[in-house]
C-alpha atoms as a PDB file:
ATOM      1  CA  MET A   1     130.751 220.230 127.685  1.00  0.00           C
ATOM      2  CA  ILE A   2     131.293 218.329 130.921  1.00  0.00           C
ATOM      3  CA  THR A   3     128.755 215.553 131.433  1.00  0.00           C
ATOM      4  CA  THR A   4     130.673 213.288 133.843  1.00  0.00           C
ATOM      5  CA  VAL A   5     132.397 214.195 137.101  1.00  0.00           C
ATOM      6  CA  VAL A   6     134.817 211.676 138.595  1.00  0.00           C
ATOM      7  CA  PHE A   7     136.040 211.986 142.169  1.00  0.00           C
ATOM      8  CA  ASP A   8     139.107 210.738 143.958  1.00  0.00           C
ATOM      9  CA  LEU A   9     138.362 209.547 147.498  1.00  0.00           C
ATOM     10  CA  ASP A  10     141.023 210.286 150.113  1.00  0.00           C
ATOM     11  CA  ASP A  11     141.504 213.976 150.916  1.00  0.00           C
ATOM     12  CA  THR A  12     139.002 214.830 148.192  1.00  0.00           C
ATOM     13  CA  LEU A  13     135.599 213.805 149.547  1.00  0.00           C
ATOM     14  CA  TYR A  14     136.735 213.590 153.176  1.00  0.00           C
ATOM     15  CA  ASP A  15     139.862 214.229 155.258  1.00  0.00           C
ATOM     16  CA  GLU A  16     142.087 211.153 155.114  1.00  0.00           C
ATOM     17  CA  ILE A  17     143.606 212.133 158.466  1.00  0.00           C
ATOM     18  CA  GLU A  18     140.371 210.908 160.079  1.00  0.00           C
ATOM     19  CA  TYR A  19     140.908 207.482 158.558  1.00  0.00           C
ATOM     20  CA  CYS A  20     144.471 207.450 159.873  1.00  0.00           C
ATOM     21  CA  ARG A  21     143.229 208.311 163.348  1.00  0.00           C
ATOM     22  CA  SER A  22     140.673 205.502 163.188  1.00  0.00           C
ATOM     23  CA  GLY A  23     143.269 202.994 161.983  1.00  0.00           C
ATOM     24  CA  PHE A  24     145.765 203.824 164.703  1.00  0.00           C
ATOM     25  CA  ALA A  25     143.033 203.557 167.330  1.00  0.00           C
ATOM     26  CA  SER A  26     142.336 200.005 166.134  1.00  0.00           C
ATOM     27  CA  ALA A  27     146.045 199.192 166.153  1.00  0.00           C
ATOM     28  CA  ALA A  28     146.358 200.584 169.675  1.00  0.00           C
ATOM     29  CA  GLU A  29     143.613 198.252 170.896  1.00  0.00           C
ATOM     30  CA  PHE A  30     145.452 195.326 169.313  1.00  0.00           C
ATOM     31  CA  ILE A  31     148.781 196.255 170.914  1.00  0.00           C
ATOM     32  CA  ALA A  32     147.129 196.768 174.318  1.00  0.00           C
ATOM     33  CA  ASN A  33     146.356 193.040 174.385  1.00  0.00           C
ATOM     34  CA  LEU A  34     150.038 192.127 174.163  1.00  0.00           C
ATOM     35  CA  PRO A  35     151.768 191.007 177.386  1.00  0.00           C
ATOM     36  CA  LYS A  36     152.895 193.912 179.577  1.00  0.00           C
ATOM     37  CA  ALA A  37     151.593 196.487 177.114  1.00  0.00           C
ATOM     38  CA  PRO A  38     150.367 199.867 178.391  1.00  0.00           C
ATOM     39  CA  PRO A  39     146.712 200.930 178.074  1.00  0.00           C
ATOM     40  CA  ALA A  40     145.325 201.565 174.595  1.00  0.00           C
ATOM     41  CA  PRO A  41     145.038 205.379 175.055  1.00  0.00           C
ATOM     42  CA  ASP A  42     148.759 205.611 175.863  1.00  0.00           C
ATOM     43  CA  ILE A  43     149.603 203.470 172.855  1.00  0.00           C
ATOM     44  CA  PHE A  44     147.416 205.592 170.580  1.00  0.00           C
ATOM     45  CA  ASP A  45     149.122 208.750 171.838  1.00  0.00           C
ATOM     46  CA  ALA A  46     152.522 207.289 170.919  1.00  0.00           C
ATOM     47  CA  LEU A  47     151.338 206.174 167.485  1.00  0.00           C
ATOM     48  CA  TRP A  48     149.726 209.518 166.756  1.00  0.00           C
ATOM     49  CA  ARG A  49     152.726 211.461 167.991  1.00  0.00           C
ATOM     50  CA  GLN A  50     155.074 209.500 165.736  1.00  0.00           C
ATOM     51  CA  PHE A  51     152.747 209.779 162.740  1.00  0.00           C
ATOM     52  CA  THR A  52     152.135 213.496 163.030  1.00  0.00           C
ATOM     53  CA  THR A  53     155.803 214.341 163.567  1.00  0.00           C
ATOM     54  CA  GLY A  54     156.928 212.664 160.375  1.00  0.00           C
ATOM     55  CA  SER A  55     157.448 208.942 161.048  1.00  0.00           C
ATOM     56  CA  ARG A  56     154.922 207.938 158.397  1.00  0.00           C
ATOM     57  CA  LYS A  57     156.666 204.988 156.795  1.00  0.00           C
ATOM     58  CA  ASN A  58     157.662 203.332 160.070  1.00  0.00           C
ATOM     59  CA  THR A  59     155.107 204.633 162.556  1.00  0.00           C
ATOM     60  CA  PHE A  60     154.600 201.278 164.241  1.00  0.00           C
ATOM     61  CA  ASN A  61     158.324 200.683 164.662  1.00  0.00           C
ATOM     62  CA  THR A  62     159.073 204.086 166.137  1.00  0.00           C
ATOM     63  CA  ALA A  63     156.017 204.052 168.420  1.00  0.00           C
ATOM     64  CA  LEU A  64     156.855 200.589 169.761  1.00  0.00           C
ATOM     65  CA  ASP A  65     160.426 201.749 170.340  1.00  0.00           C
ATOM     66  CA  GLU A  66     159.089 204.736 172.267  1.00  0.00           C
ATOM     67  CA  LEU A  67     156.855 202.481 174.355  1.00  0.00           C
ATOM     68  CA  GLY A  68     159.622 199.985 175.019  1.00  0.00           C
ATOM     69  CA  ILE A  69     157.664 197.120 173.465  1.00  0.00           C
ATOM     70  CA  ARG A  70     159.739 194.419 171.784  1.00  0.00           C
ATOM     71  CA  TYR A  71     158.641 193.495 168.260  1.00  0.00           C
ATOM     72  CA  ASN A  72     159.651 191.649 165.123  1.00  0.00           C
ATOM     73  CA  ASP A  73     158.688 191.869 161.471  1.00  0.00           C
ATOM     74  CA  GLY A  74     155.769 189.520 162.073  1.00  0.00           C
ATOM     75  CA  LEU A  75     154.169 191.858 164.600  1.00  0.00           C
ATOM     76  CA  ILE A  76     154.666 194.864 162.335  1.00  0.00           C
ATOM     77  CA  GLN A  77     152.922 193.019 159.499  1.00  0.00           C
ATOM     78  CA  GLU A  78     150.051 192.115 161.842  1.00  0.00           C
ATOM     79  CA  LEU A  79     149.657 195.758 162.797  1.00  0.00           C
ATOM     80  CA  VAL A  80     149.647 196.830 159.158  1.00  0.00           C
ATOM     81  CA  LYS A  81     146.890 194.289 158.509  1.00  0.00           C
ATOM     82  CA  VAL A  82     144.866 195.520 161.496  1.00  0.00           C
ATOM     83  CA  TYR A  83     145.200 199.072 160.183  1.00  0.00           C
ATOM     84  CA  ARG A  84     144.168 198.213 156.616  1.00  0.00           C
ATOM     85  CA  ASP A  85     141.355 195.829 157.528  1.00  0.00           C
ATOM     86  CA  HIS A  86     139.712 197.778 160.325  1.00  0.00           C
ATOM     87  CA  VAL A  87     136.183 199.134 159.946  1.00  0.00           C
ATOM     88  CA  PRO A  88     136.876 202.876 159.805  1.00  0.00           C
ATOM     89  CA  LYS A  89     135.105 205.398 161.975  1.00  0.00           C
ATOM     90  CA  ILE A  90     134.832 208.163 159.410  1.00  0.00           C
ATOM     91  CA  THR A  91     131.978 210.345 158.201  1.00  0.00           C
ATOM     92  CA  LEU A  92     131.321 212.234 154.999  1.00  0.00           C
ATOM     93  CA  PRO A  93     131.510 216.001 155.595  1.00  0.00           C
ATOM     94  CA  ALA A  94     128.227 217.820 155.085  1.00  0.00           C
ATOM     95  CA  ASP A  95     129.618 220.001 152.300  1.00  0.00           C
ATOM     96  CA  SER A  96     130.765 216.947 150.353  1.00  0.00           C
ATOM     97  CA  ARG A  97     127.367 215.296 150.682  1.00  0.00           C
ATOM     98  CA  ASP A  98     125.637 218.503 149.602  1.00  0.00           C
ATOM     99  CA  VAL A  99     127.794 218.687 146.479  1.00  0.00           C
ATOM    100  CA  LEU A 100     127.190 215.038 145.582  1.00  0.00           C
ATOM    101  CA  VAL A 101     123.443 215.513 146.000  1.00  0.00           C
ATOM    102  CA  GLU A 102     123.499 218.624 143.812  1.00  0.00           C
ATOM    103  CA  LEU A 103     125.719 217.205 141.084  1.00  0.00           C
ATOM    104  CA  ARG A 104     124.057 213.816 140.663  1.00  0.00           C
ATOM    105  CA  ASP A 105     120.998 215.506 139.152  1.00  0.00           C
ATOM    106  CA  LYS A 106     123.126 217.245 136.520  1.00  0.00           C
ATOM    107  CA  TYR A 107     126.048 214.924 135.801  1.00  0.00           C
ATOM    108  CA  THR A 108     127.020 211.293 135.737  1.00  0.00           C
ATOM    109  CA  LEU A 109     129.144 210.754 138.848  1.00  0.00           C
ATOM    110  CA  ALA A 110     131.909 208.213 139.286  1.00  0.00           C
ATOM    111  CA  LEU A 111     134.672 207.406 141.754  1.00  0.00           C
ATOM    112  CA  LEU A 112     138.259 206.350 140.964  1.00  0.00           C
ATOM    113  CA  THR A 113     140.552 205.554 143.838  1.00  0.00           C
ATOM    114  CA  ASP A 114     143.922 203.949 144.505  1.00  0.00           C
ATOM    115  CA  GLY A 115     144.872 201.996 147.579  1.00  0.00           C
ATOM    116  CA  PHE A 116     144.622 198.523 149.078  1.00  0.00           C
ATOM    117  CA  LEU A 117     141.276 197.104 147.997  1.00  0.00           C
ATOM    118  CA  PRO A 118     139.696 196.040 151.320  1.00  0.00           C
ATOM    119  CA  ALA A 119     140.638 199.358 152.923  1.00  0.00           C
ATOM    120  CA  GLN A 120     139.214 201.455 150.078  1.00  0.00           C
ATOM    121  CA  GLN A 121     136.003 199.432 149.971  1.00  0.00           C
ATOM    122  CA  LEU A 122     135.572 199.760 153.722  1.00  0.00           C
ATOM    123  CA  LYS A 123     136.055 203.525 153.461  1.00  0.00           C
ATOM    124  CA  VAL A 124     133.395 203.831 150.766  1.00  0.00           C
ATOM    125  CA  LYS A 125     130.968 201.768 152.841  1.00  0.00           C
ATOM    126  CA  ALA A 126     131.667 203.748 156.017  1.00  0.00           C
ATOM    127  CA  LEU A 127     131.109 207.048 154.200  1.00  0.00           C
ATOM    128  CA  GLY A 128     127.843 205.790 152.700  1.00  0.00           C
ATOM    129  CA  ILE A 129     128.554 207.118 149.209  1.00  0.00           C
ATOM    130  CA  GLU A 130     127.953 204.158 146.879  1.00  0.00           C
ATOM    131  CA  GLU A 131     124.517 205.446 145.917  1.00  0.00           C
ATOM    132  CA  TYR A 132     125.915 208.589 144.301  1.00  0.00           C
ATOM    133  CA  PHE A 133     128.129 206.870 141.724  1.00  0.00           C
ATOM    134  CA  LYS A 134     127.218 205.117 138.506  1.00  0.00           C
ATOM    135  CA  CYS A 135     130.697 203.594 138.448  1.00  0.00           C
ATOM    136  CA  ILE A 136     133.400 202.955 141.058  1.00  0.00           C
ATOM    137  CA  ILE A 137     136.896 202.056 139.853  1.00  0.00           C
ATOM    138  CA  TYR A 138     139.219 200.557 142.438  1.00  0.00           C
ATOM    139  CA  THR A 139     142.532 200.563 140.588  1.00  0.00           C
ATOM    140  CA  GLU A 140     143.802 197.781 142.867  1.00  0.00           C
ATOM    141  CA  GLN A 141     141.385 195.448 141.077  1.00  0.00           C
ATOM    142  CA  LEU A 142     143.171 196.192 137.806  1.00  0.00           C
ATOM    143  CA  GLY A 143     146.613 195.486 139.264  1.00  0.00           C
ATOM    144  CA  ARG A 144     149.110 197.404 141.362  1.00  0.00           C
ATOM    145  CA  ASP A 145     150.751 198.800 138.229  1.00  0.00           C
ATOM    146  CA  CYS A 146     147.421 200.470 137.415  1.00  0.00           C
ATOM    147  CA  TRP A 147     147.567 202.765 140.439  1.00  0.00           C
ATOM    148  CA  LYS A 148     147.956 206.430 139.595  1.00  0.00           C
ATOM    149  CA  PRO A 149     149.832 207.986 137.859  1.00  0.00           C
ATOM    150  CA  SER A 150     148.943 205.216 135.380  1.00  0.00           C
ATOM    151  CA  PRO A 151     146.152 206.219 132.973  1.00  0.00           C
ATOM    152  CA  ILE A 152     144.795 202.641 132.857  1.00  0.00           C
ATOM    153  CA  GLY A 153     142.145 203.202 135.525  1.00  0.00           C
ATOM    154  CA  PHE A 154     140.859 206.228 133.646  1.00  0.00           C
ATOM    155  CA  GLU A 155     140.790 204.296 130.365  1.00  0.00           C
ATOM    156  CA  LYS A 156     138.749 201.611 132.113  1.00  0.00           C
ATOM    157  CA  LEU A 157     136.371 204.256 133.443  1.00  0.00           C
ATOM    158  CA  LEU A 158     135.843 205.843 130.028  1.00  0.00           C
ATOM    159  CA  LYS A 159     135.100 202.434 128.522  1.00  0.00           C
ATOM    160  CA  THR A 160     132.741 201.451 131.348  1.00  0.00           C
ATOM    161  CA  LEU A 161     130.770 204.676 131.080  1.00  0.00           C
ATOM    162  CA  ASN A 162     130.996 204.728 127.272  1.00  0.00           C
ATOM    163  CA  THR A 163     132.024 208.367 127.303  1.00  0.00           C
ATOM    164  CA  LYS A 164     134.751 210.551 125.801  1.00  0.00           C
ATOM    165  CA  ALA A 165     137.608 212.109 127.747  1.00  0.00           C
ATOM    166  CA  GLU A 166     136.691 215.661 126.762  1.00  0.00           C
ATOM    167  CA  THR A 167     133.333 215.327 128.536  1.00  0.00           C
ATOM    168  CA  VAL A 168     134.887 214.234 131.846  1.00  0.00           C
ATOM    169  CA  ALA A 169     136.238 216.219 134.810  1.00  0.00           C
ATOM    170  CA  TYR A 170     138.387 214.551 137.466  1.00  0.00           C
ATOM    171  CA  VAL A 171     138.503 216.041 140.973  1.00  0.00           C
ATOM    172  CA  ALA A 172     141.398 214.989 143.219  1.00  0.00           C
ATOM    173  CA  ASP A 173     144.014 216.350 145.617  1.00  0.00           C
ATOM    174  CA  ASN A 174     147.520 215.001 145.045  1.00  0.00           C
ATOM    175  CA  GLU A 175     149.522 216.826 142.397  1.00  0.00           C
ATOM    176  CA  LYS A 176     152.312 214.242 142.602  1.00  0.00           C
ATOM    177  CA  LYS A 177     150.221 211.511 140.988  1.00  0.00           C
ATOM    178  CA  ASP A 178     146.513 212.209 140.570  1.00  0.00           C
ATOM    179  CA  PHE A 179     146.491 214.329 137.419  1.00  0.00           C
ATOM    180  CA  ILE A 180     149.220 212.823 135.233  1.00  0.00           C
ATOM    181  CA  GLY A 181     147.049 210.039 133.800  1.00  0.00           C
ATOM    182  CA  PRO A 182     143.886 212.057 133.120  1.00  0.00           C
ATOM    183  CA  ASN A 183     145.911 214.946 131.683  1.00  0.00           C
ATOM    184  CA  LYS A 184     147.432 212.560 129.132  1.00  0.00           C
ATOM    185  CA  LEU A 185     143.965 211.415 128.095  1.00  0.00           C
ATOM    186  CA  GLY A 186     142.508 214.917 127.762  1.00  0.00           C
ATOM    187  CA  ILE A 187     140.305 214.731 130.854  1.00  0.00           C
ATOM    188  CA  LEU A 188     139.776 218.085 132.541  1.00  0.00           C
ATOM    189  CA  THR A 189     141.464 218.070 135.951  1.00  0.00           C
ATOM    190  CA  ILE A 190     140.509 219.965 139.104  1.00  0.00           C
ATOM    191  CA  GLN A 191     142.600 219.992 142.269  1.00  0.00           C
ATOM    192  CA  ILE A 192     140.909 220.431 145.626  1.00  0.00           C
ATOM    193  CA  ILE A 193     143.148 221.662 148.415  1.00  0.00           C
ATOM    194  CA  ARG A 194     141.533 220.625 151.676  1.00  0.00           C
ATOM    195  CA  PRO A 195     143.075 222.360 154.734  1.00  0.00           C
ATOM    196  CA  ALA A 196     143.846 219.080 156.524  1.00  0.00           C
ATOM    197  CA  ARG A 197     145.143 217.165 153.505  1.00  0.00           C
ATOM    198  CA  ILE A 198     148.006 214.762 154.066  1.00  0.00           C
ATOM    199  CA  HIS A 199     149.868 215.122 150.765  1.00  0.00           C
ATOM    200  CA  THR A 200     151.243 218.636 150.460  1.00  0.00           C
ATOM    201  CA  GLU A 201     154.568 220.256 149.709  1.00  0.00           C
ATOM    202  CA  SER A 202     153.518 223.767 150.648  1.00  0.00           C
ATOM    203  CA  ALA A 203     153.048 223.494 154.402  1.00  0.00           C
ATOM    204  CA  PRO A 204     153.391 221.013 157.262  1.00  0.00           C
ATOM    205  CA  PRO A 205     150.542 218.469 157.391  1.00  0.00           C
ATOM    206  CA  PHE A 206     147.530 219.403 159.515  1.00  0.00           C
ATOM    207  CA  LEU A 207     148.727 223.010 159.889  1.00  0.00           C
ATOM    208  CA  LEU A 208     147.382 224.605 156.718  1.00  0.00           C
ATOM    209  CA  SER A 209     145.317 227.659 157.584  1.00  0.00           C
ATOM    210  CA  LEU A 210     141.675 227.907 156.683  1.00  0.00           C
ATOM    211  CA  ALA A 211     142.281 231.597 156.228  1.00  0.00           C
ATOM    212  CA  SER A 212     144.367 230.896 153.134  1.00  0.00           C
ATOM    213  CA  ALA A 213     141.423 229.429 151.260  1.00  0.00           C
ATOM    214  CA  SER A 214     140.530 231.490 148.217  1.00  0.00           C
ATOM    215  CA  ALA A 215     136.934 232.480 147.671  1.00  0.00           C
ATOM    216  CA  ASP A 216     137.164 231.721 143.970  1.00  0.00           C
ATOM    217  CA  ALA A 217     138.439 228.847 141.882  1.00  0.00           C
ATOM    218  CA  SER A 218     141.618 229.638 139.981  1.00  0.00           C
ATOM    219  CA  ARG A 219     143.634 228.339 137.078  1.00  0.00           C
ATOM    220  CA  SER A 220     146.764 226.449 138.034  1.00  0.00           C
ATOM    221  CA  GLY A 221     148.536 227.966 135.056  1.00  0.00           C
ATOM    222  CA  GLY A 222     148.281 228.012 131.277  1.00  0.00           C
ATOM    223  CA  GLN A 223     145.398 227.276 128.998  1.00  0.00           C
ATOM    224  CA  GLU A 224     145.886 223.517 129.010  1.00  0.00           C
ATOM    225  CA  SER A 225     146.725 220.935 131.639  1.00  0.00           C
ATOM    226  CA  ARG A 226     150.321 219.760 131.431  1.00  0.00           C
ATOM    227  CA  GLY A 227     152.211 217.109 133.318  1.00  0.00           C
ATOM    228  CA  ALA A 228     151.219 216.725 136.953  1.00  0.00           C
ATOM    229  CA  SER A 229     149.314 219.983 137.429  1.00  0.00           C
ATOM    230  CA  ALA A 230     145.557 220.254 137.443  1.00  0.00           C
ATOM    231  CA  ARG A 231     143.963 222.826 135.156  1.00  0.00           C
ATOM    232  CA  TYR A 232     141.806 224.316 137.918  1.00  0.00           C
ATOM    233  CA  ILE A 233     142.166 224.614 141.683  1.00  0.00           C
ATOM    234  CA  VAL A 234     139.448 224.945 144.324  1.00  0.00           C
ATOM    235  CA  HIS A 235     139.914 225.343 148.060  1.00  0.00           C
ATOM    236  CA  GLU A 236     136.454 224.188 149.090  1.00  0.00           C
ATOM    237  CA  ILE A 237     134.401 221.411 147.555  1.00  0.00           C
ATOM    238  CA  GLY A 238     131.399 223.722 147.665  1.00  0.00           C
ATOM    239  CA  GLN A 239     133.036 225.787 144.897  1.00  0.00           C
ATOM    240  CA  LEU A 240     132.874 222.860 142.496  1.00  0.00           C
ATOM    241  CA  PRO A 241     129.299 223.173 141.114  1.00  0.00           C
ATOM    242  CA  ALA A 242     129.784 226.814 140.108  1.00  0.00           C
ATOM    243  CA  LEU A 243     133.146 226.037 138.500  1.00  0.00           C
ATOM    244  CA  LEU A 244     131.687 223.186 136.445  1.00  0.00           C
ATOM    245  CA  VAL A 245     129.006 225.508 135.078  1.00  0.00           C
ATOM    246  CA  LYS A 246     131.665 227.970 133.895  1.00  0.00           C
ATOM    247  CA  ILE A 247     133.946 225.539 132.068  1.00  0.00           C
END
């Protein structure tokens, strides 16, 4: 019987693309103050164009090249810091808030998230979700080697909540890393496939069709979770309460 529901953060409770947009807007304002730099809206357009067309690991470099702005490694590191430390302009979708409100009366709720600590904490604060969770695990606080797919964060969560793995469900989005650790521990895993999710192999980012969303939750294959796959899949967070009742 499931008594505890643990959520991932990015692309699970909200669309991470909105955080990216907010971060690049802050970076654009910073760049606009450099000598001979173009206006911030033009800089944002260049950053967003590079990011959305695939230059994810070197967005700042390629955008500055496009804009004809000279830079060095020091400036790139400053921009990365601006991006990570900015106060994000993001909001929790209504369907996510509705689900959290519904589930907190029936289950113990927790949050487990990877990522750079200040950025993840600022996201949680901006979304206004602390009140829903009995426990929040920022794996960065445990050490970089404790980021998923490591099971260490989940072991810490089980110990903190004094609960057993078989009573816990973990809801997340990224099949590459999110489910490996909890699957090893015997935690039930549920993948949510948000239409605008960033991490996907099945379609270009931001172009997944809402029409493809299934009306019902489905098994990802087999009777037990194995490897990187989640045991169940949902296409809308609103499907989660009904699924939890069934399993």
